[in-house]
């Protein structure tokens, strides 16, 4: 189980939500199998640093693929 607790710094004009995620092991195994078999592929469009997260998540033009925020170098 993964839990995200209260954030230490709340955004001035935003909302912080606490949540709990309980993974289902059989579903995780199915995802791994699909990735290994090539039936599931990620479509990554942009990889940005944490410093560039806000503009990366609010693009001015339409982008293909998902945006990934790299938290660690």
Protein backbone atom coordinates (compact mmCIF):
# COMPACT_ATOMS: atom_id res chain seq x y z
CA UNK A 1 0.00 0.00 0.00
CA UNK A 2 1.22 3.49 -0.82
CA UNK A 3 0.06 6.42 1.25
CA UNK A 4 0.54 10.10 0.66
CA UNK A 5 0.07 12.18 3.76
CA UNK A 6 -0.52 15.87 4.34
CA UNK A 7 1.75 18.11 2.34
CA UNK A 8 4.05 20.41 4.24
CA UNK A 9 3.59 23.37 1.90
CA UNK A 10 0.18 23.98 0.39
CA UNK A 11 -0.08 25.94 -2.86
CA UNK A 12 -1.37 29.51 -2.47
CA UNK A 13 -4.09 29.17 -5.10
CA UNK A 14 -4.38 25.40 -5.12
CA UNK A 15 -5.77 22.41 -3.35
CA UNK A 16 -3.87 19.55 -1.72
CA UNK A 17 -5.64 16.21 -1.42
CA UNK A 18 -4.56 13.30 0.78
CA UNK A 19 -5.13 9.84 -0.70
CA UNK A 20 -4.30 6.16 -0.25
CA UNK A 21 -3.59 3.73 -3.08
CA UNK A 22 -3.97 0.01 -2.50
CA UNK A 23 -2.47 -1.95 -5.41
CA UNK A 24 -4.01 -5.24 -6.48
CA UNK A 25 -1.10 -7.69 -6.97
CA UNK A 26 -2.80 -9.64 -9.78
CA UNK A 27 -3.37 -6.43 -11.73
CA UNK A 28 0.25 -5.38 -11.29
CA UNK A 29 1.37 -8.78 -12.62
CA UNK A 30 -0.93 -8.31 -15.62
CA UNK A 31 0.59 -4.90 -16.36
CA UNK A 32 4.13 -6.33 -16.18
CA UNK A 33 3.14 -9.18 -18.50
CA UNK A 34 1.64 -6.77 -21.03
CA UNK A 35 4.76 -4.57 -21.01
CA UNK A 36 7.04 -7.58 -21.47
CA UNK A 37 4.88 -8.94 -24.31
CA UNK A 38 4.78 -5.57 -26.05
CA UNK A 39 1.00 -5.28 -25.65
CA UNK A 40 1.37 -2.19 -23.46
CA UNK A 41 3.65 0.69 -24.37
CA UNK A 42 4.13 4.07 -22.79
CA UNK A 43 3.85 7.17 -24.92
CA UNK A 44 6.15 9.68 -23.25
CA UNK A 45 6.07 13.08 -24.85
CA UNK A 46 7.96 15.37 -22.50
CA UNK A 47 10.39 14.76 -19.65
CA UNK A 48 10.88 17.82 -17.43
CA UNK A 49 12.73 18.56 -14.21
CA UNK A 50 10.82 19.45 -11.07
CA UNK A 51 11.87 23.09 -11.58
CA UNK A 52 10.19 23.08 -15.01
CA UNK A 53 7.08 21.14 -13.93
CA UNK A 54 4.57 23.99 -14.06
CA UNK A 55 5.25 25.04 -17.67
CA UNK A 56 5.59 21.39 -18.72
CA UNK A 57 2.16 20.55 -17.27
CA UNK A 58 0.58 23.70 -18.75
CA UNK A 59 1.79 23.72 -22.37
CA UNK A 60 0.72 26.44 -24.75
CA UNK A 61 0.36 23.94 -27.60
CA UNK A 62 -1.02 20.41 -27.82
CA UNK A 63 1.59 17.73 -27.20
CA UNK A 64 1.53 14.02 -27.94
CA UNK A 65 2.35 11.60 -25.15
CA UNK A 66 2.46 11.86 -21.41
CA UNK A 67 4.50 14.36 -19.44
CA UNK A 68 6.95 12.92 -16.94
CA UNK A 69 8.33 15.06 -14.13
CA UNK A 70 11.80 13.93 -13.06
CA UNK A 71 12.07 14.51 -9.32
CA UNK A 72 15.65 13.30 -8.90
CA UNK A 73 18.59 13.90 -11.25
